[in-house]
PDB file of N, CA and C in Angstrom:
ATOM      1  N   MET A   1       0.827  -1.183   0.000  1.00  0.00           N
ATOM      2  CA  MET A   1       0.000   0.000   0.000  1.00  0.00           C
ATOM      3  C   MET A   1       0.870   1.243   0.000  1.00  0.00           C
ATOM      4  N   SER A   2       0.570   2.141  -0.842  1.00  0.00           N
ATOM      5  CA  SER A   2       1.296   3.395  -0.855  1.00  0.00           C
ATOM      6  C   SER A   2       0.533   4.422  -0.036  1.00  0.00           C
ATOM      7  N   PRO A   3       1.252   5.302   0.613  1.00  0.00           N
ATOM      8  CA  PRO A   3       0.557   6.300   1.432  1.00  0.00           C
ATOM      9  C   PRO A   3      -0.251   7.251   0.559  1.00  0.00           C
ATOM     10  N   VAL A   4      -1.352   7.698   1.084  1.00  0.00           N
ATOM     11  CA  VAL A   4      -2.233   8.619   0.360  1.00  0.00           C
ATOM     12  C   VAL A   4      -1.713  10.031   0.551  1.00  0.00           C
ATOM     13  N   ARG A   5      -1.657  10.774  -0.525  1.00  0.00           N
ATOM     14  CA  ARG A   5      -1.157  12.150  -0.476  1.00  0.00           C
ATOM     15  C   ARG A   5      -2.323  13.112  -0.501  1.00  0.00           C
ATOM     16  N   ARG A   6      -2.206  14.095   0.282  1.00  0.00           N
ATOM     17  CA  ARG A   6      -3.204  15.165   0.266  1.00  0.00           C
ATOM     18  C   ARG A   6      -2.666  16.313  -0.574  1.00  0.00           C
ATOM     19  N   ASP A   7      -3.481  17.250  -0.900  1.00  0.00           N
ATOM     20  CA  ASP A   7      -3.082  18.376  -1.742  1.00  0.00           C
ATOM     21  C   ASP A   7      -1.993  19.220  -1.098  1.00  0.00           C
ATOM     22  N   ASP A   8      -2.004  19.361   0.210  1.00  0.00           N
ATOM     23  CA  ASP A   8      -1.002  20.196   0.868  1.00  0.00           C
ATOM     24  C   ASP A   8       0.329  19.465   1.059  1.00  0.00           C
ATOM     25  N   ASP A   9       0.406  18.141   0.792  1.00  0.00           N
ATOM     26  CA  ASP A   9       1.646  17.361   0.929  1.00  0.00           C
ATOM     27  C   ASP A   9       2.380  17.193  -0.402  1.00  0.00           C
ATOM     28  N   ARG A  10       2.002  17.881  -1.439  1.00  0.00           N
ATOM     29  CA  ARG A  10       2.625  17.698  -2.759  1.00  0.00           C
ATOM     30  C   ARG A  10       4.097  18.087  -2.759  1.00  0.00           C
ATOM     31  N   SER A  11       4.511  18.997  -1.919  1.00  0.00           N
ATOM     32  CA  SER A  11       5.910  19.441  -1.923  1.00  0.00           C
ATOM     33  C   SER A  11       6.827  18.446  -1.215  1.00  0.00           C
ATOM     34  N   GLU A  12       6.315  17.630  -0.340  1.00  0.00           N
ATOM     35  CA  GLU A  12       7.135  16.653   0.381  1.00  0.00           C
ATOM     36  C   GLU A  12       7.021  15.289  -0.285  1.00  0.00           C
ATOM     37  N   PRO A  13       8.165  14.690  -0.672  1.00  0.00           N
ATOM     38  CA  PRO A  13       8.100  13.358  -1.276  1.00  0.00           C
ATOM     39  C   PRO A  13       7.808  12.309  -0.205  1.00  0.00           C
ATOM     40  N   THR A  14       7.140  11.259  -0.602  1.00  0.00           N
ATOM     41  CA  THR A  14       6.892  10.157   0.317  1.00  0.00           C
ATOM     42  C   THR A  14       8.176   9.361   0.485  1.00  0.00           C
ATOM     43  N   THR A  15       8.198   8.458   1.447  1.00  0.00           N
ATOM     44  CA  THR A  15       9.408   7.659   1.696  1.00  0.00           C
ATOM     45  C   THR A  15       9.726   6.759   0.514  1.00  0.00           C
ATOM     46  N   ASP A  16       8.706   6.238  -0.168  1.00  0.00           N
ATOM     47  CA  ASP A  16       8.948   5.411  -1.353  1.00  0.00           C
ATOM     48  C   ASP A  16       9.596   6.222  -2.464  1.00  0.00           C
ATOM     49  N   GLU A  17       9.113   7.440  -2.675  1.00  0.00           N
ATOM     50  CA  GLU A  17       9.680   8.295  -3.716  1.00  0.00           C
ATOM     51  C   GLU A  17      11.092   8.726  -3.357  1.00  0.00           C
ATOM     52  N   ALA A  18      11.357   8.976  -2.091  1.00  0.00           N
ATOM     53  CA  ALA A  18      12.710   9.355  -1.665  1.00  0.00           C
ATOM     54  C   ALA A  18      13.673   8.191  -1.861  1.00  0.00           C
ATOM     55  N   ALA A  19      13.230   6.996  -1.520  1.00  0.00           N
ATOM     56  CA  ALA A  19      14.078   5.810  -1.714  1.00  0.00           C
ATOM     57  C   ALA A  19      14.328   5.571  -3.189  1.00  0.00           C
ATOM     58  N   LEU A  20      13.276   5.751  -4.002  1.00  0.00           N
ATOM     59  CA  LEU A  20      13.424   5.562  -5.441  1.00  0.00           C
ATOM     60  C   LEU A  20      14.376   6.589  -6.040  1.00  0.00           C
ATOM     61  N   SER A  21      14.244   7.847  -5.646  1.00  0.00           N
ATOM     62  CA  SER A  21      15.136   8.862  -6.199  1.00  0.00           C
ATOM     63  C   SER A  21      16.575   8.634  -5.737  1.00  0.00           C
ATOM     64  N   ALA A  22      16.779   8.138  -4.520  1.00  0.00           N
ATOM     65  CA  ALA A  22      18.136   7.823  -4.059  1.00  0.00           C
ATOM     66  C   ALA A  22      18.717   6.676  -4.865  1.00  0.00           C
ATOM     67  N   ARG A  23      17.913   5.660  -5.142  1.00  0.00           N
ATOM     68  CA  ARG A  23      18.389   4.532  -5.961  1.00  0.00           C
ATOM     69  C   ARG A  23      18.717   4.981  -7.373  1.00  0.00           C
ATOM     70  N   LEU A  24      17.860   5.844  -7.924  1.00  0.00           N
ATOM     71  CA  LEU A  24      18.124   6.342  -9.279  1.00  0.00           C
ATOM     72  C   LEU A  24      19.411   7.167  -9.325  1.00  0.00           C
ATOM     73  N   ARG A  25      19.649   7.964  -8.295  1.00  0.00           N
ATOM     74  CA  ARG A  25      20.870   8.766  -8.229  1.00  0.00           C
ATOM     75  C   ARG A  25      22.100   7.858  -8.165  1.00  0.00           C
ATOM     76  N   ARG A  26      22.035   6.813  -7.322  1.00  0.00           N
ATOM     77  CA  ARG A  26      23.164   5.876  -7.227  1.00  0.00           C
ATOM     78  C   ARG A  26      23.389   5.144  -8.535  1.00  0.00           C
ATOM     79  N   LEU A  27      22.288   4.761  -9.188  1.00  0.00           N
ATOM     80  CA  LEU A  27      22.402   4.091 -10.474  1.00  0.00           C
ATOM     81  C   LEU A  27      23.043   5.008 -11.514  1.00  0.00           C
ATOM     82  N   GLY A  28      22.643   6.273 -11.514  1.00  0.00           N
ATOM     83  CA  GLY A  28      23.234   7.230 -12.446  1.00  0.00           C
ATOM     84  C   GLY A  28      24.725   7.414 -12.211  1.00  0.00           C
ATOM     85  N   GLU A  29      25.136   7.437 -10.947  1.00  0.00           N
ATOM     86  CA  GLU A  29      26.564   7.565 -10.638  1.00  0.00           C
ATOM     87  C   GLU A  29      27.329   6.337 -11.109  1.00  0.00           C
ATOM     88  N   ARG A  30      26.762   5.151 -10.884  1.00  0.00           N
ATOM     89  CA  ARG A  30      27.435   3.924 -11.322  1.00  0.00           C
ATOM     90  C   ARG A  30      27.530   3.858 -12.837  1.00  0.00           C
ATOM     91  N   LEU A  31      26.467   4.279 -13.524  1.00  0.00           N
ATOM     92  CA  LEU A  31      26.503   4.304 -14.990  1.00  0.00           C
ATOM     93  C   LEU A  31      27.543   5.290 -15.507  1.00  0.00           C
ATOM     94  N   GLY A  32      27.659   6.430 -14.834  1.00  0.00           N
ATOM     95  CA  GLY A  32      28.668   7.411 -15.230  1.00  0.00           C
ATOM     96  C   GLY A  32      30.073   6.860 -15.079  1.00  0.00           C
ATOM     97  N   GLN A  33      30.323   6.124 -14.004  1.00  0.00           N
ATOM     98  CA  GLN A  33      31.634   5.506 -13.815  1.00  0.00           C
ATOM     99  C   GLN A  33      31.882   4.444 -14.866  1.00  0.00           C
ATOM    100  N   HIS A  34      30.865   3.646 -15.164  1.00  0.00           N
ATOM    101  CA  HIS A  34      31.014   2.581 -16.161  1.00  0.00           C
ATOM    102  C   HIS A  34      31.288   3.162 -17.545  1.00  0.00           C
ATOM    103  N   GLN A  35      30.590   4.252 -17.895  1.00  0.00           N
ATOM    104  CA  GLN A  35      30.819   4.862 -19.199  1.00  0.00           C
ATOM    105  C   GLN A  35      32.216   5.451 -19.304  1.00  0.00           C
ATOM    106  N   SER A  36      32.731   6.035 -18.239  1.00  0.00           N
ATOM    107  CA  SER A  36      34.083   6.590 -18.299  1.00  0.00           C
ATOM    108  C   SER A  36      35.107   5.471 -18.442  1.00  0.00           C
ATOM    109  N   ASP A  37      34.853   4.313 -17.818  1.00  0.00           N
ATOM    110  CA  ASP A  37      35.752   3.170 -17.989  1.00  0.00           C
ATOM    111  C   ASP A  37      35.709   2.662 -19.421  1.00  0.00           C
ATOM    112  N   ARG A  38      34.509   2.595 -20.010  1.00  0.00           N
ATOM    113  CA  ARG A  38      34.387   2.130 -21.393  1.00  0.00           C
ATOM    114  C   ARG A  38      35.074   3.074 -22.359  1.00  0.00           C
ATOM    115  N   LEU A  39      34.968   4.372 -22.116  1.00  0.00           N
ATOM    116  CA  LEU A  39      35.610   5.340 -23.005  1.00  0.00           C
ATOM    117  C   LEU A  39      37.118   5.205 -22.951  1.00  0.00           C
ATOM    118  N   SER A  40      37.692   4.950 -21.774  1.00  0.00           N
ATOM    119  CA  SER A  40      39.141   4.797 -21.693  1.00  0.00           C
ATOM    120  C   SER A  40      39.577   3.515 -22.391  1.00  0.00           C
ATOM    121  N   GLU A  41      38.780   2.425 -22.326  1.00  0.00           N
ATOM    122  CA  GLU A  41      39.117   1.204 -23.046  1.00  0.00           C
ATOM    123  C   GLU A  41      39.037   1.423 -24.546  1.00  0.00           C
ATOM    124  N   ASP A  42      38.032   2.165 -25.015  1.00  0.00           N
ATOM    125  CA  ASP A  42      37.899   2.446 -26.438  1.00  0.00           C
ATOM    126  C   ASP A  42      39.063   3.286 -26.944  1.00  0.00           C
ATOM    127  N   ASP A  43      39.579   4.201 -26.123  1.00  0.00           N
ATOM    128  CA  ASP A  43      40.733   4.999 -26.529  1.00  0.00           C
ATOM    129  C   ASP A  43      41.946   4.113 -26.759  1.00  0.00           C
ATOM    130  N   HIS A  44      42.140   3.107 -25.902  1.00  0.00           N
ATOM    131  CA  HIS A  44      43.268   2.188 -26.093  1.00  0.00           C
ATOM    132  C   HIS A  44      43.096   1.394 -27.377  1.00  0.00           C
ATOM    133  N   ARG A  45      41.871   0.956 -27.660  1.00  0.00           N
ATOM    134  CA  ARG A  45      41.635   0.199 -28.887  1.00  0.00           C
ATOM    135  C   ARG A  45      41.843   1.071 -30.110  1.00  0.00           C
ATOM    136  N   ARG A  46      41.379   2.314 -30.054  1.00  0.00           N
ATOM    137  CA  ARG A  46      41.557   3.217 -31.186  1.00  0.00           C
ATOM    138  C   ARG A  46      43.019   3.519 -31.423  1.00  0.00           C
ATOM    139  N   GLY A  47      43.808   3.637 -30.362  1.00  0.00           N
ATOM    140  CA  GLY A  47      45.233   3.916 -30.500  1.00  0.00           C
ATOM    141  C   GLY A  47      45.952   2.802 -31.230  1.00  0.00           C
ATOM    142  N   ALA A  48      45.581   1.571 -30.960  1.00  0.00           N
ATOM    143  CA  ALA A  48      46.209   0.437 -31.640  1.00  0.00           C
ATOM    144  C   ALA A  48      45.793   0.379 -33.101  1.00  0.00           C
ATOM    145  N   SER A  49      44.553   0.738 -33.400  1.00  0.00           N
ATOM    146  CA  SER A  49      44.103   0.644 -34.781  1.00  0.00           C
ATOM    147  C   SER A  49      44.605   1.801 -35.624  1.00  0.00           C
ATOM    148  N   THR A  50      45.013   2.913 -35.019  1.00  0.00           N
ATOM    149  CA  THR A  50      45.508   4.026 -35.816  1.00  0.00           C
ATOM    150  C   THR A  50      46.948   3.819 -36.256  1.00  0.00           C
ATOM    151  N   ASP A  51      47.706   2.933 -35.581  1.00  0.00           N
ATOM    152  CA  ASP A  51      49.082   2.677 -35.990  1.00  0.00           C
ATOM    153  C   ASP A  51      49.119   2.070 -37.392  1.00  0.00           C
ATOM    154  N   ALA A  52      48.365   1.061 -37.632  1.00  0.00           N
ATOM    155  CA  ALA A  52      48.289   0.452 -38.958  1.00  0.00           C
ATOM    156  C   ALA A  52      47.014  -0.368 -39.019  1.00  0.00           C
ATOM    157  N   SER A  53      46.385  -0.364 -40.152  1.00  0.00           N
ATOM    158  CA  SER A  53      45.173  -1.159 -40.271  1.00  0.00           C
ATOM    159  C   SER A  53      45.541  -2.635 -40.288  1.00  0.00           C
ATOM    160  N   GLY A  54      44.583  -3.475 -40.024  1.00  0.00           N
ATOM    161  CA  GLY A  54      44.837  -4.911 -39.951  1.00  0.00           C
ATOM    162  C   GLY A  54      45.309  -5.482 -41.273  1.00  0.00           C
ATOM    163  N   LEU A  55      44.744  -5.027 -42.359  1.00  0.00           N
ATOM    164  CA  LEU A  55      45.133  -5.538 -43.674  1.00  0.00           C
ATOM    165  C   LEU A  55      46.570  -5.134 -44.012  1.00  0.00           C
ATOM    166  N   ALA A  56      46.926  -3.899 -43.734  1.00  0.00           N
ATOM    167  CA  ALA A  56      48.291  -3.441 -44.003  1.00  0.00           C
ATOM    168  C   ALA A  56      49.293  -4.207 -43.147  1.00  0.00           C
ATOM    169  N   ARG A  57      48.931  -4.458 -41.890  1.00  0.00           N
ATOM    170  CA  ARG A  57      49.810  -5.213 -40.986  1.00  0.00           C
ATOM    171  C   ARG A  57      49.985  -6.642 -41.496  1.00  0.00           C
ATOM    172  N   GLY A  58      48.907  -7.243 -42.013  1.00  0.00           N
ATOM    173  CA  GLY A  58      48.993  -8.592 -42.575  1.00  0.00           C
ATOM    174  C   GLY A  58      49.903  -8.647 -43.797  1.00  0.00           C
ATOM    175  N   PHE A  59      49.784  -7.655 -44.669  1.00  0.00           N
ATOM    176  CA  PHE A  59      50.654  -7.610 -45.849  1.00  0.00           C
ATOM    177  C   PHE A  59      52.113  -7.422 -45.448  1.00  0.00           C
ATOM    178  N   GLN A  60      52.353  -6.604 -44.432  1.00  0.00           N
ATOM    179  CA  GLN A  60      53.722  -6.388 -43.989  1.00  0.00           C
ATOM    180  C   GLN A  60      54.325  -7.678 -43.441  1.00  0.00           C
ATOM    181  N   LEU A  61      53.582  -8.385 -42.615  1.00  0.00           N
ATOM    182  CA  LEU A  61      54.087  -9.624 -42.034  1.00  0.00           C
ATOM    183  C   LEU A  61      54.293 -10.692 -43.105  1.00  0.00           C
ATOM    184  N   THR A  62      53.386 -10.748 -44.070  1.00  0.00           N
ATOM    185  CA  THR A  62      53.533 -11.707 -45.168  1.00  0.00           C
ATOM    186  C   THR A  62      54.777 -11.386 -45.993  1.00  0.00           C
ATOM    187  N   ALA A  63      54.995 -10.117 -46.279  1.00  0.00           N
ATOM    188  CA  ALA A  63      56.170  -9.719 -47.060  1.00  0.00           C
ATOM    189  C   ALA A  63      57.463 -10.045 -46.319  1.00  0.00           C
ATOM    190  N   GLU A  64      57.486  -9.851 -45.002  1.00  0.00           N
ATOM    191  CA  GLU A  64      58.677 -10.195 -44.210  1.00  0.00           C
ATOM    192  C   GLU A  64      58.986 -11.675 -44.327  1.00  0.00           C
ATOM    193  N   PHE A  65      57.959 -12.501 -44.238  1.00  0.00           N
ATOM    194  CA  PHE A  65      58.149 -13.946 -44.271  1.00  0.00           C
ATOM    195  C   PHE A  65      58.581 -14.427 -45.660  1.00  0.00           C
ATOM    196  N   VAL A  66      57.874 -13.976 -46.689  1.00  0.00           N
ATOM    197  CA  VAL A  66      58.172 -14.415 -48.057  1.00  0.00           C
ATOM    198  C   VAL A  66      59.542 -13.911 -48.503  1.00  0.00           C
ATOM    199  N   ALA A  67      59.918 -12.710 -48.106  1.00  0.00           N
ATOM    200  CA  ALA A  67      61.226 -12.171 -48.505  1.00  0.00           C
ATOM    201  C   ALA A  67      62.356 -13.026 -47.941  1.00  0.00           C
ATOM    202  N   GLY A  68      62.228 -13.460 -46.699  1.00  0.00           N
ATOM    203  CA  GLY A  68      63.264 -14.323 -46.122  1.00  0.00           C
ATOM    204  C   GLY A  68      63.411 -15.623 -46.883  1.00  0.00           C
ATOM    205  N   ILE A  69      62.300 -16.227 -47.255  1.00  0.00           N
ATOM    206  CA  ILE A  69      62.347 -17.489 -48.002  1.00  0.00           C
ATOM    207  C   ILE A  69      62.929 -17.279 -49.392  1.00  0.00           C
ATOM    208  N   LEU A  70      62.510 -16.221 -50.086  1.00  0.00           N
ATOM    209  CA  LEU A  70      63.010 -15.974 -51.440  1.00  0.00           C
ATOM    210  C   LEU A  70      64.500 -15.644 -51.459  1.00  0.00           C
ATOM    211  N   VAL A  71      64.965 -14.887 -50.493  1.00  0.00           N
ATOM    212  CA  VAL A  71      66.396 -14.567 -50.436  1.00  0.00           C
ATOM    213  C   VAL A  71      67.199 -15.835 -50.155  1.00  0.00           C
ATOM    214  N   GLY A  72      66.721 -16.662 -49.240  1.00  0.00           N
ATOM    215  CA  GLY A  72      67.409 -17.927 -48.970  1.00  0.00           C
ATOM    216  C   GLY A  72      67.449 -18.828 -50.190  1.00  0.00           C
ATOM    217  N   ALA A  73      66.336 -18.916 -50.903  1.00  0.00           N
ATOM    218  CA  ALA A  73      66.293 -19.748 -52.117  1.00  0.00           C
ATOM    219  C   ALA A  73      67.224 -19.193 -53.191  1.00  0.00           C
ATOM    220  N   ALA A  74      67.275 -17.880 -53.348  1.00  0.00           N
ATOM    221  CA  ALA A  74      68.155 -17.281 -54.356  1.00  0.00           C
ATOM    222  C   ALA A  74      69.619 -17.531 -54.023  1.00  0.00           C
ATOM    223  N   ILE A  75      69.991 -17.382 -52.759  1.00  0.00           N
ATOM    224  CA  ILE A  75      71.381 -17.636 -52.368  1.00  0.00           C
ATOM    225  C   ILE A  75      71.727 -19.107 -52.598  1.00  0.00           C
ATOM    226  N   GLY A  76      70.810 -20.012 -52.251  1.00  0.00           N
ATOM    227  CA  GLY A  76      71.048 -21.442 -52.472  1.00  0.00           C
ATOM    228  C   GLY A  76      71.198 -21.784 -53.938  1.00  0.00           C
ATOM    229  N   TRP A  77      70.368 -21.209 -54.775  1.00  0.00           N
ATOM    230  CA  TRP A  77      70.450 -21.469 -56.209  1.00  0.00           C
ATOM    231  C   TRP A  77      71.784 -20.965 -56.773  1.00  0.00           C
ATOM    232  N   LEU A  78      72.199 -19.743 -56.344  1.00  0.00           N
ATOM    233  CA  LEU A  78      73.476 -19.206 -56.814  1.00  0.00           C
ATOM    234  C   LEU A  78      74.653 -20.052 -56.327  1.00  0.00           C
ATOM    235  N   MET A  79      74.593 -20.507 -55.078  1.00  0.00           N
ATOM    236  CA  MET A  79      75.674 -21.353 -54.544  1.00  0.00           C
ATOM    237  C   MET A  79      75.746 -22.676 -55.305  1.00  0.00           C
ATOM    238  N   ASP A  80      74.580 -23.246 -55.633  1.00  0.00           N
ATOM    239  CA  ASP A  80      74.559 -24.498 -56.392  1.00  0.00           C
ATOM    240  C   ASP A  80      75.161 -24.313 -57.779  1.00  0.00           C
ATOM    241  N   ARG A  81      74.863 -23.226 -58.427  1.00  0.00           N
ATOM    242  CA  ARG A  81      75.421 -22.988 -59.766  1.00  0.00           C
ATOM    243  C   ARG A  81      76.921 -22.742 -59.695  1.00  0.00           C
ATOM    244  N   TRP A  82      77.366 -22.047 -58.671  1.00  0.00           N
ATOM    245  CA  TRP A  82      78.779 -21.685 -58.566  1.00  0.00           C
ATOM    246  C   TRP A  82      79.627 -22.874 -58.111  1.00  0.00           C
ATOM    247  N   LEU A  83      79.134 -23.631 -57.119  1.00  0.00           N
ATOM    248  CA  LEU A  83      79.901 -24.748 -56.560  1.00  0.00           C
ATOM    249  C   LEU A  83      79.579 -26.092 -57.205  1.00  0.00           C
ATOM    250  N   GLY A  84      78.465 -26.218 -57.908  1.00  0.00           N
ATOM    251  CA  GLY A  84      78.092 -27.462 -58.561  1.00  0.00           C
ATOM    252  C   GLY A  84      77.501 -28.489 -57.591  1.00  0.00           C
ATOM    253  N   THR A  85      76.946 -28.084 -56.520  1.00  0.00           N
ATOM    254  CA  THR A  85      76.327 -29.000 -55.545  1.00  0.00           C
ATOM    255  C   THR A  85      74.816 -28.934 -55.722  1.00  0.00           C
ATOM    256  N   LYS A  86      74.346 -29.442 -56.832  1.00  0.00           N
ATOM    257  CA  LYS A  86      73.012 -29.172 -57.359  1.00  0.00           C
ATOM    258  C   LYS A  86      71.887 -29.035 -56.327  1.00  0.00           C
ATOM    259  N   PRO A  87      71.410 -30.018 -55.611  1.00  0.00           N
ATOM    260  CA  PRO A  87      70.239 -29.726 -54.784  1.00  0.00           C
ATOM    261  C   PRO A  87      70.579 -29.256 -53.368  1.00  0.00           C
ATOM    262  N   TRP A  88      71.796 -29.518 -52.883  1.00  0.00           N
ATOM    263  CA  TRP A  88      72.071 -29.327 -51.457  1.00  0.00           C
ATOM    264  C   TRP A  88      72.167 -27.864 -51.032  1.00  0.00           C
ATOM    265  N   GLY A  89      72.757 -27.045 -51.822  1.00  0.00           N
ATOM    266  CA  GLY A  89      72.821 -25.621 -51.479  1.00  0.00           C
ATOM    267  C   GLY A  89      71.438 -24.999 -51.430  1.00  0.00           C
ATOM    268  N   MET A  90      70.621 -25.382 -52.402  1.00  0.00           N
ATOM    269  CA  MET A  90      69.251 -24.856 -52.438  1.00  0.00           C
ATOM    270  C   MET A  90      68.462 -25.322 -51.214  1.00  0.00           C
ATOM    271  N   ILE A  91      68.597 -26.586 -50.836  1.00  0.00           N
ATOM    272  CA  ILE A  91      67.865 -27.120 -49.690  1.00  0.00           C
ATOM    273  C   ILE A  91      68.312 -26.432 -48.402  1.00  0.00           C
ATOM    274  N   VAL A  92      69.628 -26.339 -48.199  1.00  0.00           N
ATOM    275  CA  VAL A  92      70.151 -25.747 -46.966  1.00  0.00           C
ATOM    276  C   VAL A  92      69.770 -24.273 -46.874  1.00  0.00           C
ATOM    277  N   TRP A  93      69.983 -23.524 -47.948  1.00  0.00           N
ATOM    278  CA  TRP A  93      69.692 -22.091 -47.897  1.00  0.00           C
ATOM    279  C   TRP A  93      68.194 -21.801 -47.894  1.00  0.00           C
ATOM    280  N   LEU A  94      67.399 -22.679 -48.472  1.00  0.00           N
ATOM    281  CA  LEU A  94      65.954 -22.510 -48.388  1.00  0.00           C
ATOM    282  C   LEU A  94      65.481 -22.681 -46.941  1.00  0.00           C
ATOM    283  N   LEU A  95      66.041 -23.668 -46.230  1.00  0.00           N
ATOM    284  CA  LEU A  95      65.709 -23.845 -44.813  1.00  0.00           C
ATOM    285  C   LEU A  95      66.203 -22.665 -43.978  1.00  0.00           C
ATOM    286  N   LEU A  96      67.408 -22.175 -44.293  1.00  0.00           N
ATOM    287  CA  LEU A  96      67.899 -20.994 -43.574  1.00  0.00           C
ATOM    288  C   LEU A  96      67.035 -19.762 -43.866  1.00  0.00           C
ATOM    289  N   GLY A  97      66.580 -19.624 -45.108  1.00  0.00           N
ATOM    290  CA  GLY A  97      65.684 -18.524 -45.463  1.00  0.00           C
ATOM    291  C   GLY A  97      64.345 -18.639 -44.756  1.00  0.00           C
ATOM    292  N   PHE A  98      63.856 -19.871 -44.602  1.00  0.00           N
ATOM    293  CA  PHE A  98      62.609 -20.083 -43.868  1.00  0.00           C
ATOM    294  C   PHE A  98      62.776 -19.669 -42.410  1.00  0.00           C
ATOM    295  N   ALA A  99      63.894 -20.064 -41.796  1.00  0.00           N
ATOM    296  CA  ALA A  99      64.154 -19.687 -40.402  1.00  0.00           C
ATOM    297  C   ALA A  99      64.293 -18.168 -40.267  1.00  0.00           C
ATOM    298  N   ALA A 100      64.983 -17.544 -41.218  1.00  0.00           N
ATOM    299  CA  ALA A 100      65.123 -16.082 -41.188  1.00  0.00           C
ATOM    300  C   ALA A 100      63.772 -15.402 -41.390  1.00  0.00           C
ATOM    301  N   GLY A 101      62.932 -15.961 -42.251  1.00  0.00           N
ATOM    302  CA  GLY A 101      61.598 -15.407 -42.466  1.00  0.00           C
ATOM    303  C   GLY A 101      60.749 -15.492 -41.204  1.00  0.00           C
ATOM    304  N   ILE A 102      60.831 -16.620 -40.501  1.00  0.00           N
ATOM    305  CA  ILE A 102      60.097 -16.760 -39.241  1.00  0.00           C
ATOM    306  C   ILE A 102      60.616 -15.751 -38.213  1.00  0.00           C
ATOM    307  N   LEU A 103      61.936 -15.607 -38.118  1.00  0.00           N
ATOM    308  CA  LEU A 103      62.511 -14.648 -37.170  1.00  0.00           C
ATOM    309  C   LEU A 103      62.105 -13.215 -37.513  1.00  0.00           C
ATOM    310  N   ASN A 104      62.131 -12.870 -38.791  1.00  0.00           N
ATOM    311  CA  ASN A 104      61.686 -11.535 -39.214  1.00  0.00           C
ATOM    312  C   ASN A 104      60.210 -11.323 -38.900  1.00  0.00           C
ATOM    313  N   LEU A 105      59.405 -12.360 -39.085  1.00  0.00           N
ATOM    314  CA  LEU A 105      57.979 -12.283 -38.790  1.00  0.00           C
ATOM    315  C   LEU A 105      57.744 -12.038 -37.307  1.00  0.00           C
ATOM    316  N   ILE A 106      58.477 -12.751 -36.467  1.00  0.00           N
ATOM    317  CA  ILE A 106      58.328 -12.594 -35.022  1.00  0.00           C
ATOM    318  C   ILE A 106      58.809 -11.214 -34.591  1.00  0.00           C
ATOM    319  N   ARG A 107      59.900 -10.738 -35.146  1.00  0.00           N
ATOM    320  CA  ARG A 107      60.398  -9.396 -34.806  1.00  0.00           C
ATOM    321  C   ARG A 107      59.432  -8.310 -35.255  1.00  0.00           C
ATOM    322  N   ALA A 108      58.884  -8.459 -36.464  1.00  0.00           N
ATOM    323  CA  ALA A 108      57.953  -7.444 -36.969  1.00  0.00           C
ATOM    324  C   ALA A 108      56.656  -7.442 -36.166  1.00  0.00           C
ATOM    325  N   ALA A 109      56.263  -8.601 -35.641  1.00  0.00           N
ATOM    326  CA  ALA A 109      55.047  -8.677 -34.825  1.00  0.00           C
ATOM    327  C   ALA A 109      55.290  -8.128 -33.430  1.00  0.00           C
ATOM    328  N   GLY A 110      56.543  -7.938 -33.043  1.00  0.00           N
ATOM    329  CA  GLY A 110      56.848  -7.356 -31.748  1.00  0.00           C
ATOM    330  C   GLY A 110      56.985  -8.358 -30.627  1.00  0.00           C
ATOM    331  N   VAL A 111      57.073  -9.647 -30.941  1.00  0.00           N
ATOM    332  CA  VAL A 111      57.212 -10.670 -29.905  1.00  0.00           C
ATOM    333  C   VAL A 111      58.634 -10.695 -29.370  1.00  0.00           C
ATOM    334  N   VAL A 112      59.614 -10.576 -30.259  1.00  0.00           N
ATOM    335  CA  VAL A 112      61.027 -10.570 -29.888  1.00  0.00           C
ATOM    336  C   VAL A 112      61.571  -9.176 -30.161  1.00  0.00           C
ATOM    337  N   PRO A 113      62.352  -8.589 -29.238  1.00  0.00           N
ATOM    338  CA  PRO A 113      62.905  -7.257 -29.508  1.00  0.00           C
ATOM    339  C   PRO A 113      63.895  -7.301 -30.664  1.00  0.00           C
ATOM    340  N   LYS A 114      64.015  -6.181 -31.325  1.00  0.00           N
ATOM    341  CA  LYS A 114      64.955  -6.091 -32.445  1.00  0.00           C
ATOM    342  C   LYS A 114      66.389  -6.249 -31.947  1.00  0.00           C
ATOM    343  N   ASN A 115      67.231  -6.791 -32.792  1.00  0.00           N
ATOM    344  CA  ASN A 115      68.622  -7.041 -32.429  1.00  0.00           C
ATOM    345  C   ASN A 115      69.373  -5.719 -32.312  1.00  0.00           C
ATOM    346  N   THR A 116      70.126  -5.553 -31.226  1.00  0.00           N
ATOM    347  CA  THR A 116      70.949  -4.365 -31.038  1.00  0.00           C
ATOM    348  C   THR A 116      72.384  -4.794 -30.843  1.00  0.00           C
ATOM    349  N   LEU A 117      73.311  -3.876 -31.065  1.00  0.00           N
ATOM    350  CA  LEU A 117      74.719  -4.188 -30.905  1.00  0.00           C
ATOM    351  C   LEU A 117      75.170  -4.111 -29.457  1.00  0.00           C
ATOM    352  N   GLU A 118      74.400  -3.422 -28.624  1.00  0.00           N
ATOM    353  CA  GLU A 118      74.782  -3.282 -27.217  1.00  0.00           C
ATOM    354  C   GLU A 118      74.279  -4.469 -26.425  1.00  0.00           C
ATOM    355  N   PRO A 119      75.084  -4.984 -25.496  1.00  0.00           N
ATOM    356  CA  PRO A 119      74.589  -6.040 -24.615  1.00  0.00           C
ATOM    357  C   PRO A 119      73.454  -5.493 -23.738  1.00  0.00           C
ATOM    358  N   PRO A 120      72.552  -6.342 -23.288  1.00  0.00           N
ATOM    359  CA  PRO A 120      71.383  -5.856 -22.549  1.00  0.00           C
ATOM    360  C   PRO A 120      71.722  -5.169 -21.224  1.00  0.00           C
ATOM    361  N   ASP A 121      72.853  -5.506 -20.588  1.00  0.00           N
ATOM    362  CA  ASP A 121      73.156  -4.928 -19.292  1.00  0.00           C
ATOM    363  C   ASP A 121      73.812  -3.554 -19.386  1.00  0.00           C
ATOM    364  N   THR A 122      74.171  -3.071 -20.581  1.00  0.00           N
ATOM    365  CA  THR A 122      74.841  -1.773 -20.708  1.00  0.00           C
ATOM    366  C   THR A 122      73.908  -0.684 -21.224  1.00  0.00           C
ATOM    367  N   LYS A 123      72.604  -0.882 -21.104  1.00  0.00           N
ATOM    368  CA  LYS A 123      71.664   0.147 -21.578  1.00  0.00           C
ATOM    369  C   LYS A 123      71.766   1.363 -20.701  1.00  0.00           C
ATOM    370  N   LYS A 124      71.617   2.526 -21.303  1.00  0.00           N
ATOM    371  CA  LYS A 124      71.769   3.798 -20.588  1.00  0.00           C
ATOM    372  C   LYS A 124      70.520   4.166 -19.863  1.00  0.00           C
TER     373      LYS A 124
END
């Protein structure tokens, strides 16, 4: 049962209305906090997508991998022609090119840091 209001009590809220308005205020505050958290997460996502689009990143990684294999195969083919070791130079250098392509792919993806000439303990 809700309390009956008289005409002269219109300015004073009932206890149910006061409780409801307090709950609505708390809900609004929680929603405001949740929206600010979502906006900060969206900013992080937007920052990553502005560096390079997904398709461009895929082409870059593919080119890194294929270039390593092609360079290894070319060196093997040239070594075979020069030394006369018909399939072995191509096989060995193709495998080395594959390994170099994988390493380039991992470095370009950011999993392994790029190679530097300074030892890790002498960083400034």
